Amino acid sequence: MPEKELLGVNGALGLSQKAMGELFGKYVNPGLKTLQSVVGFDKRFVRADGVSVYDEDGNRYLDFVGGYGCLPFGHSPKDILAALDEVKEVPNYLQVMTSPYQAALAHDLAQIAPDGLEITFFSNSGTEAVESALKLARGAMGEGVFVYCSGAFHGKTLGSLSVGGREKYKKPFVPLVPGTVEVPFGDAAALEKALRENKVVAFITEPIQGEGGVIVPPPGYLRKARELTEKYGALLILDEVQTGFARTGKMFAADHEGVRPDILCLAKALGGGVMPVGATMATKKVWERAYGGLSRAVLHTSTFGGGARACAAALATIGKIAREGLVEKSARLGAYCLDGLRTLKERYKIIEDVRGMGLLMGIEFRKPGGILDILTAGSVNKIAEEYCGALVASELMKRHRVISVYTLNNPNVIRLEPALIVEKEEIDFVLNALEDVLSRNKSFFSLAASIVRK
C-alpha cells in the first residue's frame, strides 16, 4: 500500500480557510458546505472564549447560537476544563466496575430534577437519551403506541425520527418505527382523544418546541398532559434536551408548572460545552418494571455513556449553575431580551412574532404573500419558508459579526440561544444589530436581493 499523507492535529490547525472548505466539501458534507458558503458560514475560527469567537484575522464575533444549547458557559469554560484535569489519571472507561462518577452525577441530578426521578441512565447525546426513553417506556408498559406532537424534534436516529414532527426529515427513511400517533402541540383536547382511542405507552413532548420554532404552549398545557396521561394509564416523557439546565429561567422547563414526568431526557448543556453527555432519568417504578432484577439489568447499555471525564464535566456544570445563580440570570436577561425583540416587532412588519422563555428566543418572519406570490405560483412563499431565517442570519453575520441560526423544523424562525453567562451589553449589541439589518431590509424581497448582491 502506498504511503498516505496524514494531516494530524497540527495539519488541521494550519489549514487555510480555502483548504478547510475544500476538504470539508470533499470528505464531510458537500451539500452543507455549499449552504454554508452561500450564507457566509464558512469562516475559519481560531480562538474562542465565552460568547466570543475570533477568526484568523483577529475579528471578534458574538456567538448567539451557543452550540444549539450545548454551551451553557460559552466556549472554553476554564472551570469545567479544570474538572477534567482532576480525573485525568483515573480510568475513563472501566465499564465492568461500579463508577463513583456515575454514582455522584446521578445523585446530583436527582437533587435538582423534579421529585421522584431517581434512576439515571447515561449516554452521549440528546437523540440517544430519547432512544433510551422510548425503549425504557416500551419495556415498562409493553405493547401500544407512542403519541407525539406536530413540529416536534427529538433527534435524527430512527426511533427519535419516528416521534419527530417534520416530514422533510422522516420521508427519506420510511418505514420508521411503527406504532405512533401525531397530535397538535399545545392541544390538550387532541391529546385526550389520542389517549382515549389508543392503547398508549407514552406521550413524548418538549416543554417548549425548540427546533419547531421556539413554540411555547398555552399556560397549563404540561400540567394537563400530566393529568391526562395519569388518567389513561400512559407514561409522560419530557424531552428537556434543549430546555434543561437553566435555559428557560428555571432549572428545567417542567418546573414552570410543577410537573414531574415519568421519564426525563437530558443532554446538551449537561456536558458544560466540553464533553458530550446524555442522560435519561426515570422514576424507580418505571425503571424496575423495565430493567429490574439481575436478568434485566443489562438489557440497555452504552459503551461510552458515563465515562469519568464526561461525568466530571457534568458534575462541574451542575455546580456552576447553582453557585453562580444562572437560573435567575437566565430569567432576568431573557425577559430583557424578549422586551427588546417585541419593540422591534412593533417597528418592522417583516417580523411576524417573537416568543420564548429565558434565554431561548425565536423571531419568526412574515411570509411575503400578495400578488407576487400569486404570480410566482407560491414559489416566493416557498423560498421564504426555507431561507428567510438563513438570510437574516447571514446579514447579521456579515454586517455585525453576530452568529445566529434558523430552527430546523421552522426555517422561517431564527433562534437566539446565547450562553447563560451572556451580559446585558452583549444582548444590546445584538438587538441593535438586528434593528440595523431590519431597517436596511424592510421586506423579504429586499433582504433576499441584498444577499444575492453579495
Protein backbone atom coordinates (compact mmCIF):
# COMPACT_ATOMS: atom_id res chain seq x y z
CA MET A 1 0.00 0.00 0.00
CA PRO A 2 1.46 3.40 -0.93
CA GLU A 3 2.16 5.74 1.97
CA LYS A 4 -0.67 8.20 2.59
CA GLU A 5 -0.28 11.79 3.79
CA LEU A 6 -1.94 12.36 7.16
CA LEU A 7 -2.73 15.86 8.37
CA GLY A 8 -3.00 15.21 12.09
CA VAL A 9 -3.83 17.88 14.65
CA ASN A 10 -1.07 20.25 13.53
CA GLY A 11 -2.24 19.94 9.95
CA ALA A 12 -5.80 20.81 10.96
CA LEU A 13 -4.59 23.83 12.90
CA GLY A 14 -2.64 25.02 9.87
CA LEU A 15 -5.43 24.74 7.27
CA SER A 16 -6.31 27.96 5.45
CA GLN A 17 -9.98 28.91 5.07
CA LYS A 18 -9.89 27.83 1.42
CA ALA A 19 -8.21 24.48 2.14
CA MET A 20 -10.61 23.85 5.03
CA GLY A 21 -13.59 24.43 2.75
CA GLU A 22 -12.24 22.19 0.01
CA LEU A 23 -11.60 19.29 2.39
CA PHE A 24 -14.97 19.71 4.13
CA GLY A 25 -16.77 19.74 0.80
CA LYS A 26 -14.88 16.66 -0.41
CA TYR A 27 -14.81 14.48 2.70
CA VAL A 28 -17.56 15.65 5.08
CA ASN A 29 -20.77 17.02 3.53
CA PRO A 30 -20.73 18.66 0.07
CA GLY A 31 -24.30 19.98 0.27
CA LEU A 32 -23.83 21.50 3.70
CA LYS A 33 -20.62 23.16 2.56
CA THR A 34 -22.50 24.80 -0.33
CA LEU A 35 -25.17 26.15 2.02
CA GLN A 36 -22.58 27.45 4.47
CA SER A 37 -20.76 29.23 1.65
CA VAL A 38 -23.95 30.89 0.38
CA VAL A 39 -24.85 32.38 3.77
CA GLY A 40 -21.25 33.17 4.76
CA PHE A 41 -20.91 30.49 7.44
CA ASP A 42 -17.66 29.06 6.09
CA LYS A 43 -15.22 31.20 8.08
CA ARG A 44 -12.31 29.70 9.94
CA PHE A 45 -12.24 30.49 13.65
CA VAL A 46 -9.05 30.06 15.63
CA ARG A 47 -9.92 31.07 19.19
CA ALA A 48 -12.98 31.21 21.44
CA ASP A 49 -13.76 32.44 24.92
CA GLY A 50 -17.21 32.79 26.49
CA VAL A 51 -19.68 34.18 23.94
CA SER A 52 -16.83 35.44 21.73
CA VAL A 53 -15.11 33.65 18.85
CA TYR A 54 -12.27 35.04 16.75
CA ASP A 55 -11.35 34.49 13.11
CA GLU A 56 -7.83 34.21 11.74
CA ASP A 57 -7.70 37.98 11.19
CA GLY A 58 -8.43 38.65 14.85
CA ASN A 59 -12.03 39.82 14.30
CA ARG A 60 -14.41 39.15 17.20
CA TYR A 61 -17.85 37.57 16.66
CA LEU A 62 -20.67 37.17 19.17
CA ASP A 63 -21.98 33.60 19.30
CA PHE A 64 -25.74 33.68 19.94
CA VAL A 65 -26.22 30.07 18.80
CA GLY A 66 -24.44 28.62 21.81
CA GLY A 67 -23.89 25.24 20.20
CA TYR A 68 -27.69 24.78 19.94
CA GLY A 69 -27.73 24.92 23.73
CA CYS A 70 -24.71 22.73 24.47
CA LEU A 71 -22.55 25.73 25.50
CA PRO A 72 -24.15 26.89 28.78
CA PHE A 73 -20.99 28.78 29.74
CA GLY A 74 -19.84 29.67 26.26
CA HIS A 75 -16.59 28.47 24.74
CA SER A 76 -13.58 27.16 26.66
CA PRO A 77 -15.01 27.39 30.22
CA LYS A 78 -11.92 27.18 32.40
CA ASP A 79 -13.61 25.74 35.49
CA ILE A 80 -15.21 22.89 33.52
CA LEU A 81 -11.92 22.14 31.81
CA ALA A 82 -10.25 22.15 35.23
CA ALA A 83 -12.68 19.44 36.37
CA LEU A 84 -11.35 17.21 33.59
CA ASP A 85 -7.84 17.70 34.91
CA GLU A 86 -8.96 16.37 38.28
CA VAL A 87 -9.82 12.98 36.74
CA LYS A 88 -7.15 12.82 34.03
CA GLU A 89 -5.33 9.93 35.69
CA VAL A 90 -8.32 7.82 36.76
CA PRO A 91 -9.77 5.14 34.47
CA ASN A 92 -12.05 6.85 31.98
CA TYR A 93 -13.79 3.65 30.86
CA LEU A 94 -13.83 0.65 33.16
CA GLN A 95 -17.34 -0.49 32.42
CA VAL A 96 -17.28 -3.72 34.39
CA MET A 97 -16.75 -1.82 37.66
CA THR A 98 -19.08 0.40 39.67
CA SER A 99 -18.35 4.04 38.79
CA PRO A 100 -18.10 6.63 41.59
CA TYR A 101 -18.51 9.37 38.98
CA GLN A 102 -21.78 7.97 37.64
CA ALA A 103 -22.97 7.47 41.21
CA ALA A 104 -22.19 11.07 42.18
CA LEU A 105 -23.68 12.54 38.99
CA ALA A 106 -26.88 10.50 39.30
CA HIS A 107 -27.16 11.68 42.91
CA ASP A 108 -26.75 15.35 41.97
CA LEU A 109 -29.23 15.06 39.13
CA ALA A 110 -31.78 13.56 41.50
CA GLN A 111 -31.35 16.56 43.80
CA ILE A 112 -32.21 19.13 41.10
CA ALA A 113 -34.71 17.20 38.94
CA PRO A 114 -38.46 17.09 39.59
CA ASP A 115 -39.21 14.96 42.67
CA GLY A 116 -39.40 11.23 42.13
CA LEU A 117 -36.89 10.94 39.27
CA GLU A 118 -34.33 8.74 40.97
CA ILE A 119 -32.67 6.50 38.39
CA THR A 120 -30.39 7.80 35.60
CA PHE A 121 -29.03 6.06 32.52
CA PHE A 122 -26.07 7.82 30.86
CA SER A 123 -25.42 8.11 27.14
CA ASN A 124 -23.73 10.63 24.85
CA SER A 125 -26.32 12.79 23.10
CA GLY A 126 -29.90 14.02 23.04
CA THR A 127 -31.13 11.55 20.45
CA GLU A 128 -29.59 8.69 22.47
CA ALA A 129 -31.38 9.96 25.57
CA VAL A 130 -34.65 9.88 23.62
CA GLU A 131 -33.98 6.41 22.22
CA SER A 132 -33.28 5.24 25.77
CA ALA A 133 -36.54 6.80 26.95
CA LEU A 134 -38.62 5.13 24.25
CA LYS A 135 -37.05 1.77 24.92
CA LEU A 136 -37.49 2.18 28.68
CA ALA A 137 -41.15 3.10 28.24
CA ARG A 138 -41.75 0.12 25.98
CA GLY A 139 -40.04 -2.19 28.46
CA ALA A 140 -42.16 -0.87 31.30
CA MET A 141 -45.51 -0.73 29.52
CA GLY A 142 -45.43 -3.41 26.83
CA GLU A 143 -47.33 -3.08 23.57
CA GLY A 144 -49.02 0.12 22.48
CA VAL A 145 -48.39 3.35 20.59
CA PHE A 146 -46.36 6.48 21.27
CA VAL A 147 -48.13 9.82 20.98
CA TYR A 148 -46.03 12.76 19.80
CA CYS A 149 -46.55 16.33 18.61
CA SER A 150 -46.59 18.06 15.24
CA GLY A 151 -43.46 20.16 14.86
CA ALA A 152 -41.57 18.10 17.43
CA PHE A 153 -37.84 17.50 17.22
CA HIS A 154 -36.35 14.68 19.27
CA GLY A 155 -33.27 13.82 17.19
CA LYS A 156 -32.44 12.13 13.92
CA THR A 157 -31.84 8.49 14.80
CA LEU A 158 -34.59 6.12 13.68
CA GLY A 159 -36.63 5.91 16.87
CA SER A 160 -36.34 9.64 17.57
CA LEU A 161 -37.35 10.43 13.98
CA SER A 162 -40.42 8.23 14.39
CA VAL A 163 -41.73 10.64 17.04
CA GLY A 164 -40.49 13.73 15.20
CA GLY A 165 -42.84 16.21 13.63
CA ARG A 166 -41.33 17.24 10.28
CA GLU A 167 -41.80 15.12 7.17
CA LYS A 168 -38.68 16.50 5.47
CA TYR A 169 -36.51 14.55 7.90
CA LYS A 170 -38.74 11.46 8.05
CA LYS A 171 -39.82 10.72 4.47
CA PRO A 172 -36.43 9.57 3.08
CA PHE A 173 -36.16 6.90 5.79
CA VAL A 174 -39.56 5.21 5.84
CA PRO A 175 -40.60 2.77 7.09
CA LEU A 176 -39.83 4.16 10.52
CA VAL A 177 -40.62 2.56 13.86
CA PRO A 178 -44.36 1.70 13.74
CA GLY A 179 -46.97 2.50 16.33
CA THR A 180 -47.02 6.30 16.58
CA VAL A 181 -49.84 8.85 16.69
CA GLU A 182 -49.37 12.56 15.98
CA VAL A 183 -51.30 15.33 17.75
CA PRO A 184 -51.04 19.14 17.53
CA PHE A 185 -48.64 20.67 20.05
CA GLY A 186 -50.39 22.52 22.86
CA ASP A 187 -53.80 20.97 22.14
CA ALA A 188 -54.94 19.15 25.27
CA ALA A 189 -58.23 18.06 23.71
CA ALA A 190 -56.42 16.35 20.82
CA LEU A 191 -54.10 14.66 23.28
CA GLU A 192 -57.02 13.31 25.30
CA LYS A 193 -58.67 11.99 22.14
CA ALA A 194 -55.47 10.10 21.21
CA LEU A 195 -55.14 8.70 24.73
CA ARG A 196 -58.78 7.64 24.81
CA GLU A 197 -58.79 5.94 21.40
CA ASN A 198 -55.44 4.12 21.59
CA LYS A 199 -53.52 1.87 23.93
CA VAL A 200 -50.75 4.37 24.62
CA VAL A 201 -47.33 3.52 26.01
CA ALA A 202 -46.28 7.14 26.47
CA PHE A 203 -46.81 10.70 25.37
CA ILE A 204 -43.49 12.37 24.47
CA THR A 205 -43.19 16.13 24.17
CA GLU A 206 -40.85 19.06 24.57
CA PRO A 207 -41.98 21.65 27.14
CA ILE A 208 -41.05 24.25 24.51
CA GLN A 209 -40.50 23.24 20.89
CA GLY A 210 -37.01 24.49 20.13
CA GLU A 211 -36.45 23.33 16.56
CA GLY A 212 -40.17 23.74 15.90
CA GLY A 213 -39.63 27.49 16.02
CA VAL A 214 -39.39 28.18 19.77
CA ILE A 215 -43.07 27.43 20.28
CA VAL A 216 -44.33 27.98 23.83
CA PRO A 217 -47.53 26.03 24.60
CA PRO A 218 -50.57 27.59 26.31
CA PRO A 219 -50.23 28.02 30.09
CA GLY A 220 -51.22 24.85 31.92
CA TYR A 221 -50.62 22.53 28.94
CA LEU A 222 -47.91 20.45 30.59
CA ARG A 223 -49.93 20.14 33.78
CA LYS A 224 -52.93 18.99 31.77
CA ALA A 225 -50.77 16.50 29.85
CA ARG A 226 -49.64 15.08 33.19
CA GLU A 227 -53.22 14.73 34.38
CA LEU A 228 -54.36 13.08 31.15
CA THR A 229 -51.53 10.55 30.97
CA GLU A 230 -52.24 9.53 34.55
CA LYS A 231 -55.97 9.29 33.83
CA TYR A 232 -55.46 6.97 30.84
CA GLY A 233 -52.55 4.97 32.27
CA ALA A 234 -49.80 6.18 29.94
CA LEU A 235 -46.32 7.47 30.76
CA LEU A 236 -45.23 11.08 30.27
CA ILE A 237 -41.81 11.59 28.66
CA LEU A 238 -40.45 15.13 28.69
CA ASP A 239 -37.63 15.92 26.28
CA GLU A 240 -35.64 18.67 28.02
CA VAL A 241 -32.52 18.14 25.93
CA GLN A 242 -32.65 21.80 24.90
CA THR A 243 -34.70 23.39 27.68
CA GLY A 244 -32.92 21.86 30.66
CA PHE A 245 -30.32 23.39 32.98
CA ALA A 246 -31.47 27.00 33.41
CA ARG A 247 -32.16 27.66 29.74
CA THR A 248 -35.76 28.85 30.28
CA GLY A 249 -35.30 30.65 33.59
CA LYS A 250 -35.94 27.53 35.68
CA MET A 251 -33.60 24.59 36.21
CA PHE A 252 -35.99 22.60 34.00
CA ALA A 253 -38.86 23.95 31.90
CA ALA A 254 -41.22 21.49 33.66
CA ASP A 255 -40.60 23.46 36.85
CA HIS A 256 -42.62 26.39 35.47
CA GLU A 257 -45.75 24.29 36.04
CA GLY A 258 -44.50 21.97 38.76
CA VAL A 259 -44.79 18.90 36.54
CA ARG A 260 -42.99 15.63 37.23
CA PRO A 261 -42.67 13.34 34.20
CA ASP A 262 -42.18 9.61 34.40
CA ILE A 263 -39.10 9.89 32.16
CA LEU A 264 -36.89 12.93 31.53
CA CYS A 265 -34.44 13.28 28.62
CA LEU A 266 -31.36 15.46 29.10
CA ALA A 267 -28.19 16.31 27.16
CA LYS A 268 -26.67 19.41 25.51
CA ALA A 269 -25.84 21.77 28.41
CA LEU A 270 -25.15 18.89 30.81
CA GLY A 271 -21.65 18.46 29.37
CA GLY A 272 -20.74 22.08 30.05
CA GLY A 273 -19.74 22.64 26.43
CA VAL A 274 -16.72 20.38 26.91
CA MET A 275 -17.94 16.76 26.84
CA PRO A 276 -20.90 15.04 25.14
CA VAL A 277 -23.27 13.77 27.85
CA GLY A 278 -26.79 12.42 27.57
CA ALA A 279 -28.98 11.28 30.45
CA THR A 280 -32.36 9.57 30.75
CA MET A 281 -33.95 9.88 34.18
CA ALA A 282 -36.90 7.83 35.39
CA THR A 283 -38.94 7.02 38.44
CA LYS A 284 -37.83 3.92 40.25
CA LYS A 285 -41.19 2.27 39.49
CA VAL A 286 -40.78 2.68 35.73
CA TRP A 287 -37.15 1.56 35.80
CA GLU A 288 -37.90 -1.55 37.85
CA ARG A 289 -40.72 -2.56 35.52
CA ALA A 290 -38.39 -2.41 32.52
CA TYR A 291 -34.95 -3.35 33.86
CA GLY A 292 -35.43 -4.58 37.42
CA GLY A 293 -33.67 -7.70 38.68
CA LEU A 294 -30.45 -9.43 37.69
CA SER A 295 -31.76 -10.88 34.45
CA ARG A 296 -32.88 -7.49 33.07
CA ALA A 297 -30.17 -5.18 34.45
CA VAL A 298 -28.12 -5.17 31.23
CA LEU A 299 -30.90 -5.00 28.66
CA HIS A 300 -29.82 -1.47 27.77
CA THR A 301 -26.19 -0.31 27.96
CA SER A 302 -23.80 2.17 26.33
CA THR A 303 -20.06 1.68 25.84
CA PHE A 304 -19.18 5.37 26.12
CA GLY A 305 -22.03 6.52 28.37
CA GLY A 306 -20.95 7.76 31.79
CA GLY A 307 -17.18 7.91 31.32
CA ALA A 308 -15.24 9.56 34.14
CA ARG A 309 -14.37 12.69 32.16
CA ALA A 310 -17.93 13.16 30.90
CA CYS A 311 -19.31 12.77 34.42
CA ALA A 312 -16.72 15.18 35.83
CA ALA A 313 -17.77 17.82 33.30
CA ALA A 314 -21.44 17.29 34.14
CA LEU A 315 -20.84 17.44 37.89
CA ALA A 316 -18.94 20.71 37.47
CA THR A 317 -21.71 22.06 35.22
CA ILE A 318 -24.47 21.48 37.78
CA GLY A 319 -22.33 23.04 40.49
CA LYS A 320 -21.54 26.12 38.42
CA ILE A 321 -25.20 26.75 37.52
CA ALA A 322 -26.19 26.60 41.19
CA ARG A 323 -23.18 28.51 42.52
CA GLU A 324 -23.40 31.42 40.09
CA GLY A 325 -27.18 31.89 40.15
CA LEU A 326 -27.53 31.23 36.42
CA VAL A 327 -31.16 30.15 36.67
CA GLU A 328 -32.12 33.60 37.92
CA LYS A 329 -29.81 35.31 35.43
CA SER A 330 -31.40 33.43 32.53
CA ALA A 331 -34.87 34.53 33.64
CA ARG A 332 -33.81 38.16 34.08
CA LEU A 333 -31.81 38.65 30.88
CA GLY A 334 -34.23 36.54 28.85
CA ALA A 335 -37.11 38.82 29.82
CA TYR A 336 -34.98 41.85 28.95
CA CYS A 337 -34.08 40.47 25.52
CA LEU A 338 -37.69 39.49 24.75
CA ASP A 339 -38.83 43.02 25.57
CA GLY A 340 -36.27 44.34 23.09
CA LEU A 341 -37.42 41.92 20.41
CA ARG A 342 -41.07 42.88 20.96
CA THR A 343 -40.10 46.52 20.41
CA LEU A 344 -38.53 45.55 17.07
CA LYS A 345 -41.69 43.65 16.14
CA GLU A 346 -43.72 46.82 16.64
CA ARG A 347 -41.39 48.74 14.31
CA TYR A 348 -40.86 46.25 11.48
CA LYS A 349 -43.66 44.46 9.69
CA ILE A 350 -41.32 41.75 8.41
CA ILE A 351 -41.43 40.29 11.94
CA GLU A 352 -44.49 38.08 12.38
CA ASP A 353 -43.87 37.09 16.00
CA VAL A 354 -41.31 36.92 18.78
CA ARG A 355 -41.55 34.37 21.57
CA GLY A 356 -39.54 32.38 24.03
CA MET A 357 -38.71 31.84 27.66
CA GLY A 358 -35.47 32.63 29.46
CA LEU A 359 -32.50 32.62 27.12
CA LEU A 360 -34.28 30.64 24.39
CA MET A 361 -35.93 33.04 21.95
CA GLY A 362 -37.32 32.87 18.44
CA ILE A 363 -38.04 35.55 15.85
CA GLU A 364 -40.50 34.50 13.15
CA PHE A 365 -40.56 36.38 9.85
CA ARG A 366 -43.67 37.18 7.87
CA LYS A 367 -44.32 35.31 4.63
CA PRO A 368 -44.47 37.70 1.65
CA GLY A 369 -47.85 36.68 0.15
CA GLY A 370 -49.74 39.11 -2.06
CA ILE A 371 -49.67 39.48 -5.82
CA LEU A 372 -46.02 38.46 -6.22
CA ASP A 373 -46.69 35.12 -4.59
CA ILE A 374 -49.71 34.57 -6.83
CA LEU A 375 -47.68 35.41 -9.95
CA THR A 376 -44.92 33.01 -8.94
CA ALA A 377 -47.36 30.17 -8.14
CA GLY A 378 -46.33 30.16 -4.49
CA SER A 379 -42.58 29.95 -5.08
CA VAL A 380 -41.88 33.18 -3.20
CA ASN A 381 -43.50 31.86 -0.04
CA LYS A 382 -41.65 28.58 -0.50
CA ILE A 383 -38.32 30.44 -0.59
CA ALA A 384 -39.34 32.46 2.44
CA GLU A 385 -40.28 29.33 4.40
CA GLU A 386 -36.96 27.64 3.71
CA TYR A 387 -34.48 30.50 3.65
CA CYS A 388 -35.73 33.72 5.27
CA GLY A 389 -34.21 32.82 8.64
CA ALA A 390 -30.92 31.93 6.95
CA LEU A 391 -30.95 35.25 5.08
CA VAL A 392 -31.36 37.26 8.28
CA ALA A 393 -28.67 35.19 9.98
CA SER A 394 -26.37 35.83 7.02
CA GLU A 395 -26.89 39.60 7.25
CA LEU A 396 -26.21 39.57 10.99
CA MET A 397 -23.01 37.65 10.38
CA LYS A 398 -21.70 39.75 7.51
CA ARG A 399 -22.63 43.18 8.80
CA HIS A 400 -22.24 42.81 12.56
CA ARG A 401 -20.33 39.57 13.22
CA VAL A 402 -23.25 38.11 15.14
CA ILE A 403 -23.70 34.34 14.80
CA SER A 404 -27.34 33.16 14.84
CA VAL A 405 -29.22 30.29 13.20
CA TYR A 406 -32.66 29.25 11.96
CA THR A 407 -34.66 26.47 13.61
CA LEU A 408 -34.65 23.08 11.83
CA ASN A 409 -38.40 22.42 11.81
CA ASN A 410 -39.33 26.03 11.05
CA PRO A 411 -36.60 27.71 8.94
CA ASN A 412 -38.61 30.95 8.90
CA VAL A 413 -37.57 31.45 12.53
CA ILE A 414 -34.13 32.43 13.78
CA ARG A 415 -33.23 31.35 17.25
CA LEU A 416 -31.24 33.31 19.81
CA GLU A 417 -29.75 30.96 22.40
CA PRO A 418 -26.70 32.61 23.95
CA ALA A 419 -24.64 31.16 26.76
CA LEU A 420 -26.05 31.60 30.26
CA ILE A 421 -23.07 33.83 31.06
CA VAL A 422 -24.09 36.42 28.45
CA GLU A 423 -24.15 40.03 29.64
CA LYS A 424 -26.71 42.79 29.07
CA GLU A 425 -24.25 44.76 26.90
CA GLU A 426 -23.90 41.83 24.52
CA ILE A 427 -27.67 41.47 24.27
CA ASP A 428 -27.92 45.19 23.49
CA PHE A 429 -25.34 44.80 20.72
CA VAL A 430 -27.37 42.01 19.10
CA LEU A 431 -30.65 43.94 19.40
CA ASN A 432 -29.03 46.96 17.73
CA ALA A 433 -27.56 44.72 15.02
CA LEU A 434 -31.00 43.24 14.33
CA GLU A 435 -32.51 46.70 14.10
CA ASP A 436 -29.86 47.75 11.59
CA VAL A 437 -30.46 44.68 9.42
CA LEU A 438 -34.22 45.14 9.52
CA SER A 439 -34.06 48.87 8.83
CA ARG A 440 -31.99 48.17 5.71
CA ASN A 441 -34.24 45.32 4.58
CA LYS A 442 -37.86 46.02 5.45
CA SER A 443 -39.22 43.17 3.35
CA PHE A 444 -38.21 39.67 2.42
CA PHE A 445 -37.57 40.77 -1.16
CA SER A 446 -35.05 43.49 -0.31
CA LEU A 447 -33.40 41.12 2.17
CA ALA A 448 -33.03 38.40 -0.46
CA ALA A 449 -31.74 40.91 -3.00
CA SER A 450 -29.11 42.17 -0.57
CA ILE A 451 -27.79 38.63 -0.09
CA VAL A 452 -27.72 37.96 -3.85
CA ARG A 453 -25.76 41.19 -4.43
CA LYS A 454 -23.09 39.96 -2.06
